[in-house]
N, C-alpha and C. Protein backbone atom coordinates (compact mmCIF):
# COMPACT_ATOMS: atom_id res chain seq x y z
N MET A 1 42.36 2.18 1.81
CA MET A 1 41.66 1.20 1.00
C MET A 1 40.64 0.43 1.85
N PHE A 2 41.07 0.03 3.06
CA PHE A 2 40.18 -0.70 3.95
C PHE A 2 38.96 0.14 4.31
N ARG A 3 39.19 1.42 4.61
CA ARG A 3 38.10 2.32 4.98
C ARG A 3 37.12 2.48 3.82
N SER A 4 37.63 2.60 2.60
CA SER A 4 36.79 2.73 1.42
C SER A 4 35.95 1.48 1.21
N THR A 5 36.55 0.32 1.39
CA THR A 5 35.84 -0.95 1.24
C THR A 5 34.77 -1.08 2.31
N THR A 6 35.12 -0.69 3.53
CA THR A 6 34.16 -0.74 4.63
C THR A 6 32.98 0.18 4.35
N SER A 7 33.25 1.37 3.85
CA SER A 7 32.17 2.31 3.53
C SER A 7 31.26 1.75 2.45
N ILE A 8 31.85 1.16 1.45
CA ILE A 8 31.05 0.58 0.37
C ILE A 8 30.20 -0.56 0.91
N PHE A 9 30.81 -1.42 1.73
CA PHE A 9 30.07 -2.54 2.31
C PHE A 9 28.91 -2.02 3.16
N PHE A 10 29.18 -0.99 3.99
CA PHE A 10 28.15 -0.43 4.84
C PHE A 10 26.99 0.11 4.02
N PHE A 11 27.30 0.90 2.99
CA PHE A 11 26.24 1.46 2.16
C PHE A 11 25.48 0.38 1.40
N CYS A 12 26.16 -0.66 0.99
CA CYS A 12 25.48 -1.76 0.30
C CYS A 12 24.49 -2.44 1.25
N ARG A 13 24.90 -2.62 2.52
CA ARG A 13 24.00 -3.24 3.49
C ARG A 13 22.79 -2.34 3.74
N VAL A 14 23.03 -1.05 3.86
CA VAL A 14 21.93 -0.10 4.11
C VAL A 14 21.01 -0.04 2.90
N LEU A 15 21.60 -0.08 1.73
CA LEU A 15 20.81 0.06 0.50
C LEU A 15 20.12 -1.22 0.06
N THR A 16 20.51 -2.34 0.61
CA THR A 16 19.92 -3.60 0.18
C THR A 16 18.40 -3.54 0.20
N LEU A 17 17.87 -3.01 1.27
CA LEU A 17 16.42 -2.90 1.39
C LEU A 17 15.84 -2.09 0.24
N ALA A 18 16.37 -0.92 0.00
CA ALA A 18 15.79 -0.02 -0.99
C ALA A 18 16.15 -0.39 -2.42
N VAL A 19 17.40 -0.76 -2.69
CA VAL A 19 17.82 -1.01 -4.05
C VAL A 19 17.35 -2.37 -4.55
N CYS A 20 17.40 -3.38 -3.68
CA CYS A 20 17.02 -4.73 -4.09
C CYS A 20 15.52 -4.94 -4.05
N CYS A 21 14.82 -3.96 -3.63
CA CYS A 21 13.37 -4.06 -3.52
C CYS A 21 12.76 -3.88 -4.92
N ASP A 22 12.29 -4.97 -5.48
CA ASP A 22 11.73 -4.94 -6.83
C ASP A 22 10.51 -4.02 -6.93
N TRP A 23 9.78 -3.90 -5.82
CA TRP A 23 8.60 -3.05 -5.81
C TRP A 23 8.97 -1.61 -6.19
N LEU A 24 10.10 -1.14 -5.70
CA LEU A 24 10.51 0.23 -6.00
C LEU A 24 10.75 0.46 -7.49
N THR A 25 11.25 -0.57 -8.19
CA THR A 25 11.52 -0.40 -9.61
C THR A 25 10.23 -0.34 -10.42
N HIS A 26 9.18 -0.95 -9.90
CA HIS A 26 7.88 -0.97 -10.61
C HIS A 26 6.85 -0.07 -9.94
N TYR A 27 7.27 0.62 -8.89
CA TYR A 27 6.35 1.36 -8.05
C TYR A 27 5.44 2.30 -8.83
N SER A 28 6.01 3.12 -9.67
CA SER A 28 5.23 4.13 -10.38
C SER A 28 4.15 3.49 -11.25
N HIS A 29 4.53 2.46 -11.99
CA HIS A 29 3.57 1.78 -12.87
C HIS A 29 2.47 1.11 -12.06
N LEU A 30 2.85 0.38 -11.01
CA LEU A 30 1.86 -0.33 -10.19
C LEU A 30 0.92 0.64 -9.49
N ARG A 31 1.48 1.72 -8.97
CA ARG A 31 0.65 2.71 -8.29
C ARG A 31 -0.35 3.32 -9.26
N ASN A 32 0.14 3.70 -10.42
CA ASN A 32 -0.76 4.29 -11.42
C ASN A 32 -1.84 3.31 -11.82
N SER A 33 -1.46 2.08 -12.03
CA SER A 33 -2.42 1.05 -12.43
C SER A 33 -3.52 0.90 -11.38
N SER A 34 -3.14 0.78 -10.13
CA SER A 34 -4.13 0.62 -9.05
C SER A 34 -5.04 1.84 -8.93
N MET A 35 -4.45 3.03 -9.04
CA MET A 35 -5.24 4.26 -8.91
C MET A 35 -6.25 4.41 -10.05
N VAL A 36 -5.83 4.08 -11.25
CA VAL A 36 -6.74 4.18 -12.40
C VAL A 36 -7.83 3.12 -12.29
N LEU A 37 -7.45 1.90 -11.98
CA LEU A 37 -8.42 0.81 -11.94
C LEU A 37 -9.48 0.99 -10.86
N ILE A 38 -9.11 1.53 -9.70
CA ILE A 38 -10.11 1.72 -8.65
C ILE A 38 -11.18 2.72 -9.10
N GLU A 39 -10.79 3.64 -9.95
CA GLU A 39 -11.76 4.63 -10.45
C GLU A 39 -12.61 4.09 -11.60
N VAL A 40 -12.00 3.34 -12.52
CA VAL A 40 -12.72 2.94 -13.72
C VAL A 40 -13.44 1.60 -13.61
N MET A 41 -13.23 0.87 -12.52
CA MET A 41 -13.91 -0.42 -12.40
C MET A 41 -15.40 -0.26 -12.07
N GLY A 42 -15.78 0.93 -11.63
CA GLY A 42 -17.17 1.23 -11.36
C GLY A 42 -17.52 2.59 -11.93
N GLY A 43 -18.66 3.09 -11.59
CA GLY A 43 -19.07 4.41 -12.05
C GLY A 43 -18.39 5.49 -11.24
N PRO A 44 -18.94 6.70 -11.26
CA PRO A 44 -18.36 7.79 -10.47
C PRO A 44 -18.33 7.40 -8.98
N LEU A 45 -17.31 7.89 -8.29
CA LEU A 45 -17.21 7.60 -6.85
C LEU A 45 -18.37 8.26 -6.11
N THR A 46 -18.83 7.59 -5.09
CA THR A 46 -19.98 8.05 -4.32
C THR A 46 -19.65 9.31 -3.51
N ASN A 47 -20.67 10.06 -3.19
CA ASN A 47 -20.53 11.22 -2.31
C ASN A 47 -20.83 10.84 -0.86
N GLN A 48 -21.30 9.62 -0.65
CA GLN A 48 -21.62 9.17 0.70
C GLN A 48 -20.35 9.12 1.56
N THR A 49 -20.53 9.41 2.83
CA THR A 49 -19.39 9.35 3.74
C THR A 49 -19.35 7.99 4.43
N SER A 50 -18.15 7.60 4.78
CA SER A 50 -17.95 6.32 5.46
C SER A 50 -18.39 6.43 6.91
N PRO A 51 -19.00 5.37 7.44
CA PRO A 51 -19.35 5.38 8.86
C PRO A 51 -18.12 5.18 9.75
N VAL A 52 -16.98 4.85 9.14
CA VAL A 52 -15.75 4.62 9.89
C VAL A 52 -14.78 5.76 9.59
N GLU A 53 -14.26 6.35 10.65
CA GLU A 53 -13.34 7.47 10.49
C GLU A 53 -12.04 7.01 9.84
N PHE A 54 -11.61 7.75 8.82
CA PHE A 54 -10.37 7.44 8.11
C PHE A 54 -9.18 7.64 9.07
N PRO A 55 -8.19 6.74 9.04
CA PRO A 55 -7.07 6.81 10.00
C PRO A 55 -5.97 7.80 9.60
N TYR A 56 -6.33 9.08 9.49
CA TYR A 56 -5.36 10.10 9.09
C TYR A 56 -4.15 10.14 10.03
N ASN A 57 -4.39 10.01 11.33
CA ASN A 57 -3.29 10.08 12.29
C ASN A 57 -2.28 8.94 12.10
N LEU A 58 -2.76 7.79 11.74
CA LEU A 58 -1.88 6.66 11.49
C LEU A 58 -0.96 6.95 10.31
N TYR A 59 -1.51 7.49 9.25
CA TYR A 59 -0.70 7.87 8.09
C TYR A 59 0.28 8.98 8.44
N LYS A 60 -0.18 9.93 9.22
CA LYS A 60 0.69 11.05 9.62
C LYS A 60 1.90 10.53 10.40
N ARG A 61 1.67 9.60 11.32
CA ARG A 61 2.78 9.01 12.09
C ARG A 61 3.75 8.26 11.20
N MET A 62 3.22 7.60 10.18
CA MET A 62 4.08 6.80 9.29
C MET A 62 5.00 7.67 8.45
N MET A 63 4.62 8.91 8.20
CA MET A 63 5.45 9.80 7.38
C MET A 63 6.82 10.06 8.01
N ASN A 64 6.92 9.92 9.32
CA ASN A 64 8.17 10.20 10.03
C ASN A 64 8.93 8.94 10.45
N ARG A 65 8.47 7.79 10.00
CA ARG A 65 9.11 6.53 10.38
C ARG A 65 10.24 6.18 9.44
N GLN A 66 11.01 5.17 9.82
CA GLN A 66 12.09 4.67 8.99
C GLN A 66 11.51 3.96 7.77
N VAL A 67 12.33 3.85 6.73
CA VAL A 67 11.90 3.24 5.47
C VAL A 67 11.34 1.83 5.70
N LYS A 68 12.01 1.05 6.51
CA LYS A 68 11.55 -0.33 6.75
C LYS A 68 10.14 -0.35 7.33
N SER A 69 9.88 0.53 8.29
CA SER A 69 8.53 0.62 8.89
C SER A 69 7.51 1.10 7.87
N GLN A 70 7.91 2.04 7.03
CA GLN A 70 7.00 2.52 5.99
C GLN A 70 6.65 1.42 5.00
N LEU A 71 7.66 0.64 4.61
CA LEU A 71 7.40 -0.46 3.68
C LEU A 71 6.50 -1.51 4.31
N LEU A 72 6.71 -1.81 5.58
CA LEU A 72 5.83 -2.75 6.29
C LEU A 72 4.40 -2.23 6.31
N PHE A 73 4.25 -0.95 6.58
CA PHE A 73 2.92 -0.35 6.64
C PHE A 73 2.23 -0.40 5.26
N ILE A 74 2.97 -0.08 4.22
CA ILE A 74 2.41 -0.13 2.87
C ILE A 74 1.99 -1.56 2.55
N ARG A 75 2.87 -2.51 2.83
CA ARG A 75 2.56 -3.92 2.57
C ARG A 75 1.33 -4.37 3.35
N ASP A 76 1.29 -4.06 4.64
CA ASP A 76 0.15 -4.47 5.47
C ASP A 76 -1.14 -3.80 5.02
N SER A 77 -1.07 -2.55 4.60
CA SER A 77 -2.25 -1.85 4.09
C SER A 77 -2.76 -2.49 2.80
N MET A 78 -1.83 -2.80 1.90
CA MET A 78 -2.20 -3.46 0.65
C MET A 78 -2.84 -4.82 0.92
N THR A 79 -2.31 -5.53 1.89
CA THR A 79 -2.86 -6.84 2.25
C THR A 79 -4.29 -6.69 2.77
N GLN A 80 -4.52 -5.68 3.62
CA GLN A 80 -5.87 -5.46 4.14
C GLN A 80 -6.84 -5.08 3.02
N ILE A 81 -6.39 -4.25 2.10
CA ILE A 81 -7.24 -3.86 0.96
C ILE A 81 -7.56 -5.09 0.12
N TYR A 82 -6.55 -5.87 -0.18
CA TYR A 82 -6.74 -7.08 -1.00
C TYR A 82 -7.72 -8.03 -0.33
N ASP A 83 -7.53 -8.27 0.97
CA ASP A 83 -8.41 -9.19 1.70
C ASP A 83 -9.85 -8.67 1.76
N LEU A 84 -10.00 -7.38 1.89
CA LEU A 84 -11.34 -6.78 1.95
C LEU A 84 -12.14 -7.10 0.68
N TYR A 85 -11.49 -6.98 -0.46
CA TYR A 85 -12.16 -7.25 -1.73
C TYR A 85 -12.21 -8.74 -2.04
N ARG A 86 -11.16 -9.42 -1.76
CA ARG A 86 -11.02 -10.83 -2.14
C ARG A 86 -11.98 -11.75 -1.39
N TYR A 87 -12.19 -11.48 -0.12
CA TYR A 87 -12.95 -12.41 0.71
C TYR A 87 -14.37 -11.97 1.01
N ASN A 88 -14.90 -11.08 0.21
CA ASN A 88 -16.27 -10.62 0.39
C ASN A 88 -17.00 -10.68 -0.94
N ASP A 89 -18.29 -10.86 -0.89
CA ASP A 89 -19.11 -10.96 -2.10
C ASP A 89 -19.28 -9.59 -2.73
N MET A 90 -18.63 -9.39 -3.87
CA MET A 90 -18.69 -8.09 -4.55
C MET A 90 -19.81 -8.02 -5.59
N SER A 91 -20.57 -9.07 -5.75
CA SER A 91 -21.59 -9.09 -6.81
C SER A 91 -22.58 -7.92 -6.73
N PRO A 92 -22.99 -7.45 -5.54
CA PRO A 92 -23.91 -6.30 -5.51
C PRO A 92 -23.31 -5.04 -6.13
N ALA A 93 -21.99 -4.94 -6.16
CA ALA A 93 -21.34 -3.73 -6.67
C ALA A 93 -21.54 -3.59 -8.18
N ALA A 94 -21.67 -4.68 -8.89
CA ALA A 94 -21.85 -4.67 -10.35
C ALA A 94 -20.76 -3.89 -11.07
N TRP A 95 -19.52 -4.06 -10.62
CA TRP A 95 -18.39 -3.41 -11.26
C TRP A 95 -17.94 -4.21 -12.47
N ASP A 96 -17.18 -3.59 -13.34
CA ASP A 96 -16.58 -4.27 -14.48
C ASP A 96 -15.68 -5.38 -13.94
N SER A 97 -16.00 -6.62 -14.27
CA SER A 97 -15.29 -7.76 -13.67
C SER A 97 -13.82 -7.84 -14.11
N VAL A 98 -13.53 -7.48 -15.35
CA VAL A 98 -12.14 -7.52 -15.83
C VAL A 98 -11.31 -6.46 -15.12
N LYS A 99 -11.84 -5.26 -15.02
CA LYS A 99 -11.11 -4.18 -14.35
C LYS A 99 -10.96 -4.45 -12.86
N THR A 100 -11.98 -5.04 -12.25
CA THR A 100 -11.90 -5.39 -10.84
C THR A 100 -10.83 -6.46 -10.62
N THR A 101 -10.79 -7.46 -11.47
CA THR A 101 -9.76 -8.50 -11.40
C THR A 101 -8.38 -7.90 -11.60
N ASP A 102 -8.25 -7.01 -12.58
CA ASP A 102 -6.97 -6.34 -12.83
C ASP A 102 -6.54 -5.52 -11.61
N PHE A 103 -7.50 -4.86 -10.97
CA PHE A 103 -7.19 -4.09 -9.76
C PHE A 103 -6.64 -5.01 -8.67
N LEU A 104 -7.33 -6.12 -8.43
CA LEU A 104 -6.89 -7.05 -7.40
C LEU A 104 -5.52 -7.65 -7.74
N GLU A 105 -5.28 -7.92 -9.00
CA GLU A 105 -3.97 -8.45 -9.41
C GLU A 105 -2.87 -7.42 -9.20
N SER A 106 -3.17 -6.16 -9.46
CA SER A 106 -2.20 -5.09 -9.25
C SER A 106 -1.86 -4.97 -7.76
N ILE A 107 -2.86 -5.03 -6.91
CA ILE A 107 -2.64 -4.95 -5.47
C ILE A 107 -1.85 -6.18 -5.00
N HIS A 108 -2.24 -7.36 -5.48
CA HIS A 108 -1.56 -8.58 -5.07
C HIS A 108 -0.09 -8.58 -5.51
N ARG A 109 0.17 -8.09 -6.70
CA ARG A 109 1.55 -8.02 -7.17
C ARG A 109 2.38 -7.10 -6.28
N GLN A 110 1.80 -6.00 -5.85
CA GLN A 110 2.52 -5.10 -4.95
C GLN A 110 2.82 -5.78 -3.61
N ILE A 111 1.87 -6.55 -3.12
CA ILE A 111 2.09 -7.29 -1.87
C ILE A 111 3.25 -8.26 -2.03
N ARG A 112 3.24 -9.03 -3.13
CA ARG A 112 4.33 -10.00 -3.37
C ARG A 112 5.68 -9.29 -3.45
N GLU A 113 5.74 -8.19 -4.17
CA GLU A 113 7.01 -7.49 -4.32
C GLU A 113 7.44 -6.81 -3.02
N LEU A 114 6.49 -6.33 -2.25
CA LEU A 114 6.83 -5.75 -0.95
C LEU A 114 7.31 -6.83 0.02
N ASP A 115 6.79 -8.05 -0.13
CA ASP A 115 7.27 -9.16 0.70
C ASP A 115 8.75 -9.43 0.45
N GLU A 116 9.23 -9.11 -0.74
CA GLU A 116 10.65 -9.27 -1.03
C GLU A 116 11.48 -8.18 -0.36
N CYS A 117 10.86 -7.05 -0.08
CA CYS A 117 11.55 -5.92 0.54
C CYS A 117 11.66 -6.08 2.05
N VAL A 118 10.62 -6.63 2.64
CA VAL A 118 10.57 -6.82 4.09
C VAL A 118 10.19 -8.26 4.35
N LYS A 119 10.67 -8.79 5.42
CA LYS A 119 10.38 -10.17 5.76
C LYS A 119 8.87 -10.34 5.97
N PRO A 120 8.26 -11.30 5.27
CA PRO A 120 6.82 -11.51 5.41
C PRO A 120 6.40 -11.83 6.85
N THR A 121 7.28 -12.43 7.62
CA THR A 121 6.92 -12.80 8.98
C THR A 121 7.07 -11.64 9.96
N ARG A 122 7.80 -10.62 9.55
CA ARG A 122 8.00 -9.48 10.45
C ARG A 122 6.69 -8.73 10.62
N LYS A 123 6.35 -8.50 11.85
CA LYS A 123 5.09 -7.83 12.14
C LYS A 123 5.29 -6.33 12.23
N SER A 124 4.40 -5.64 11.61
CA SER A 124 4.39 -4.19 11.68
C SER A 124 3.77 -3.78 13.00
N PRO A 125 4.32 -2.74 13.64
CA PRO A 125 3.73 -2.28 14.89
C PRO A 125 2.31 -1.74 14.69
N ASN A 126 1.96 -1.40 13.47
CA ASN A 126 0.63 -0.83 13.20
C ASN A 126 -0.33 -1.84 12.59
N LYS A 127 0.11 -3.08 12.46
CA LYS A 127 -0.72 -4.10 11.81
C LYS A 127 -2.06 -4.30 12.52
N LEU A 128 -2.03 -4.32 13.83
CA LEU A 128 -3.26 -4.51 14.61
C LEU A 128 -4.23 -3.35 14.41
N GLN A 129 -3.71 -2.12 14.39
CA GLN A 129 -4.56 -0.95 14.14
C GLN A 129 -5.18 -1.01 12.75
N LEU A 130 -4.38 -1.40 11.77
CA LEU A 130 -4.90 -1.51 10.40
C LEU A 130 -6.00 -2.57 10.32
N ARG A 131 -5.75 -3.71 10.92
CA ARG A 131 -6.75 -4.80 10.89
C ARG A 131 -8.04 -4.35 11.55
N HIS A 132 -7.90 -3.65 12.68
CA HIS A 132 -9.08 -3.14 13.39
C HIS A 132 -9.87 -2.17 12.52
N TYR A 133 -9.17 -1.24 11.88
CA TYR A 133 -9.83 -0.27 11.00
C TYR A 133 -10.57 -0.99 9.87
N TYR A 134 -9.88 -1.90 9.17
CA TYR A 134 -10.50 -2.57 8.02
C TYR A 134 -11.64 -3.50 8.44
N ASN A 135 -11.54 -4.12 9.61
CA ASN A 135 -12.66 -4.93 10.11
C ASN A 135 -13.87 -4.04 10.38
N ASN A 136 -13.64 -2.88 10.98
CA ASN A 136 -14.74 -1.94 11.22
C ASN A 136 -15.36 -1.48 9.90
N LEU A 137 -14.50 -1.17 8.93
CA LEU A 137 -15.00 -0.72 7.63
C LEU A 137 -15.86 -1.81 7.00
N LYS A 138 -15.36 -3.03 7.03
CA LYS A 138 -16.12 -4.16 6.46
C LYS A 138 -17.45 -4.35 7.20
N ASN A 139 -17.39 -4.39 8.52
CA ASN A 139 -18.59 -4.66 9.31
C ASN A 139 -19.63 -3.55 9.23
N GLN A 140 -19.20 -2.32 9.05
CA GLN A 140 -20.15 -1.21 9.04
C GLN A 140 -20.62 -0.81 7.64
N THR A 141 -19.95 -1.29 6.61
CA THR A 141 -20.37 -0.92 5.26
C THR A 141 -20.83 -2.12 4.43
N LEU A 142 -20.26 -3.28 4.68
CA LEU A 142 -20.57 -4.44 3.83
C LEU A 142 -21.45 -5.48 4.49
N LEU A 143 -21.91 -5.21 5.69
CA LEU A 143 -22.68 -6.21 6.43
C LEU A 143 -23.91 -6.67 5.66
N GLY A 144 -24.62 -5.77 5.05
CA GLY A 144 -25.81 -6.15 4.28
C GLY A 144 -25.48 -6.52 2.84
N GLY A 145 -24.22 -6.33 2.44
CA GLY A 145 -23.81 -6.65 1.07
C GLY A 145 -24.43 -5.74 0.03
N SER A 146 -24.60 -4.47 0.35
CA SER A 146 -25.27 -3.55 -0.56
C SER A 146 -24.30 -2.91 -1.55
N LYS A 147 -24.87 -2.44 -2.65
CA LYS A 147 -24.09 -1.72 -3.65
C LYS A 147 -23.51 -0.44 -3.04
N ASP A 148 -24.33 0.27 -2.25
CA ASP A 148 -23.87 1.51 -1.61
C ASP A 148 -22.68 1.25 -0.68
N GLY A 149 -22.73 0.16 0.05
CA GLY A 149 -21.62 -0.20 0.94
C GLY A 149 -20.33 -0.41 0.16
N TRP A 150 -20.44 -1.11 -0.97
CA TRP A 150 -19.24 -1.35 -1.79
C TRP A 150 -18.70 -0.06 -2.39
N GLU A 151 -19.60 0.85 -2.72
CA GLU A 151 -19.14 2.12 -3.28
C GLU A 151 -18.41 2.95 -2.22
N ILE A 152 -18.85 2.87 -0.98
CA ILE A 152 -18.13 3.54 0.11
C ILE A 152 -16.75 2.91 0.27
N VAL A 153 -16.68 1.59 0.22
CA VAL A 153 -15.40 0.89 0.34
C VAL A 153 -14.47 1.30 -0.80
N ARG A 154 -15.01 1.39 -2.00
CA ARG A 154 -14.18 1.79 -3.15
C ARG A 154 -13.65 3.22 -2.97
N LYS A 155 -14.50 4.11 -2.48
CA LYS A 155 -14.08 5.50 -2.24
C LYS A 155 -13.00 5.54 -1.16
N GLU A 156 -13.18 4.78 -0.09
CA GLU A 156 -12.18 4.74 0.99
C GLU A 156 -10.89 4.11 0.49
N THR A 157 -10.99 3.12 -0.37
CA THR A 157 -9.79 2.49 -0.94
C THR A 157 -8.99 3.50 -1.73
N LYS A 158 -9.67 4.33 -2.49
CA LYS A 158 -8.97 5.37 -3.26
C LYS A 158 -8.23 6.32 -2.32
N LYS A 159 -8.87 6.68 -1.20
CA LYS A 159 -8.20 7.53 -0.22
C LYS A 159 -6.93 6.86 0.30
N HIS A 160 -7.05 5.58 0.60
CA HIS A 160 -5.89 4.84 1.10
C HIS A 160 -4.79 4.77 0.05
N LEU A 161 -5.16 4.49 -1.17
CA LEU A 161 -4.15 4.40 -2.23
C LEU A 161 -3.44 5.74 -2.42
N THR A 162 -4.18 6.83 -2.29
CA THR A 162 -3.58 8.16 -2.40
C THR A 162 -2.58 8.39 -1.27
N ARG A 163 -2.96 8.03 -0.05
CA ARG A 163 -2.07 8.20 1.11
C ARG A 163 -0.86 7.25 1.01
N LEU A 164 -1.10 6.04 0.55
CA LEU A 164 0.00 5.08 0.39
C LEU A 164 0.96 5.54 -0.70
N ASP A 165 0.41 6.21 -1.70
CA ASP A 165 1.25 6.77 -2.76
C ASP A 165 2.21 7.82 -2.20
N ARG A 166 1.70 8.67 -1.35
CA ARG A 166 2.56 9.68 -0.71
C ARG A 166 3.67 9.02 0.10
N LEU A 167 3.30 8.00 0.83
CA LEU A 167 4.27 7.28 1.63
C LEU A 167 5.29 6.57 0.74
N GLY A 168 4.81 5.95 -0.34
CA GLY A 168 5.70 5.29 -1.29
C GLY A 168 6.66 6.27 -1.94
N ASN A 169 6.21 7.47 -2.21
CA ASN A 169 7.09 8.49 -2.78
C ASN A 169 8.20 8.87 -1.80
N LEU A 170 7.88 8.89 -0.50
CA LEU A 170 8.90 9.15 0.51
C LEU A 170 9.95 8.04 0.52
N VAL A 171 9.49 6.80 0.44
CA VAL A 171 10.41 5.66 0.41
C VAL A 171 11.29 5.74 -0.83
N LEU A 172 10.68 6.04 -1.96
CA LEU A 172 11.43 6.15 -3.21
C LEU A 172 12.47 7.28 -3.13
N ALA A 173 12.08 8.41 -2.59
CA ALA A 173 13.01 9.54 -2.44
C ALA A 173 14.15 9.16 -1.50
N ALA A 174 13.82 8.46 -0.42
CA ALA A 174 14.86 8.05 0.53
C ALA A 174 15.83 7.07 -0.12
N SER A 175 15.31 6.17 -0.94
CA SER A 175 16.20 5.20 -1.59
C SER A 175 17.07 5.88 -2.63
N ARG A 176 16.55 6.86 -3.31
CA ARG A 176 17.36 7.62 -4.28
C ARG A 176 18.41 8.45 -3.57
N GLY A 177 18.03 9.04 -2.44
CA GLY A 177 18.97 9.84 -1.67
C GLY A 177 20.11 8.99 -1.14
N ARG A 178 19.80 7.79 -0.67
CA ARG A 178 20.84 6.89 -0.18
C ARG A 178 21.71 6.42 -1.31
N SER A 179 21.08 6.16 -2.45
CA SER A 179 21.84 5.69 -3.60
C SER A 179 22.81 6.76 -4.06
N THR A 180 22.37 8.01 -4.08
CA THR A 180 23.23 9.13 -4.46
C THR A 180 24.36 9.29 -3.45
N ALA A 181 24.03 9.16 -2.17
CA ALA A 181 25.05 9.30 -1.12
C ALA A 181 26.11 8.20 -1.24
N SER A 182 25.71 6.98 -1.59
CA SER A 182 26.68 5.90 -1.68
C SER A 182 27.60 6.07 -2.88
N HIS A 183 27.13 6.69 -3.93
CA HIS A 183 27.96 6.91 -5.10
C HIS A 183 29.00 8.00 -4.87
N LYS A 184 28.75 8.87 -3.90
CA LYS A 184 29.69 9.96 -3.62
C LYS A 184 30.88 9.46 -2.81
N HIS A 185 30.73 8.33 -2.10
CA HIS A 185 31.81 7.85 -1.26
C HIS A 185 32.72 6.96 -2.00
């Protein structure tokens, strides 16, 4: 009996992160909302390439990390995306203002819910790399405040959301796998 109780307690502690994480319960809806809104808030995505190299290696490394690190990375990435749009003049972009606001609200809601999954004060080991990338993106595409620059940012944001979606699916699969494993004991 003691061993069974200990096992249940152990699995509950391990699962607290994944099961109690409200973001996971709304993940699919929020992800879909953000992905649709980034596309429909403006016209067709630009064919122009970004002057800043996309951080594929950073995403690749995150695919093999623990769930907690992945959640931190997703949260920090969402925060960088939100700040990029929130603290810069988007008026040259001439995007649909309601859809743009809805996009930002969707991203912000994910940040709030991810903050419940991981301690907001806990620093991600990749936070500095993310900040550096997004500062470069901002400085090299939005410096003149042009419509073309914003369209490049929107295209890059879609790439990030797609990569974050893959990472989120890994987290979701891991939480389901742990949940299934705990029910077997």
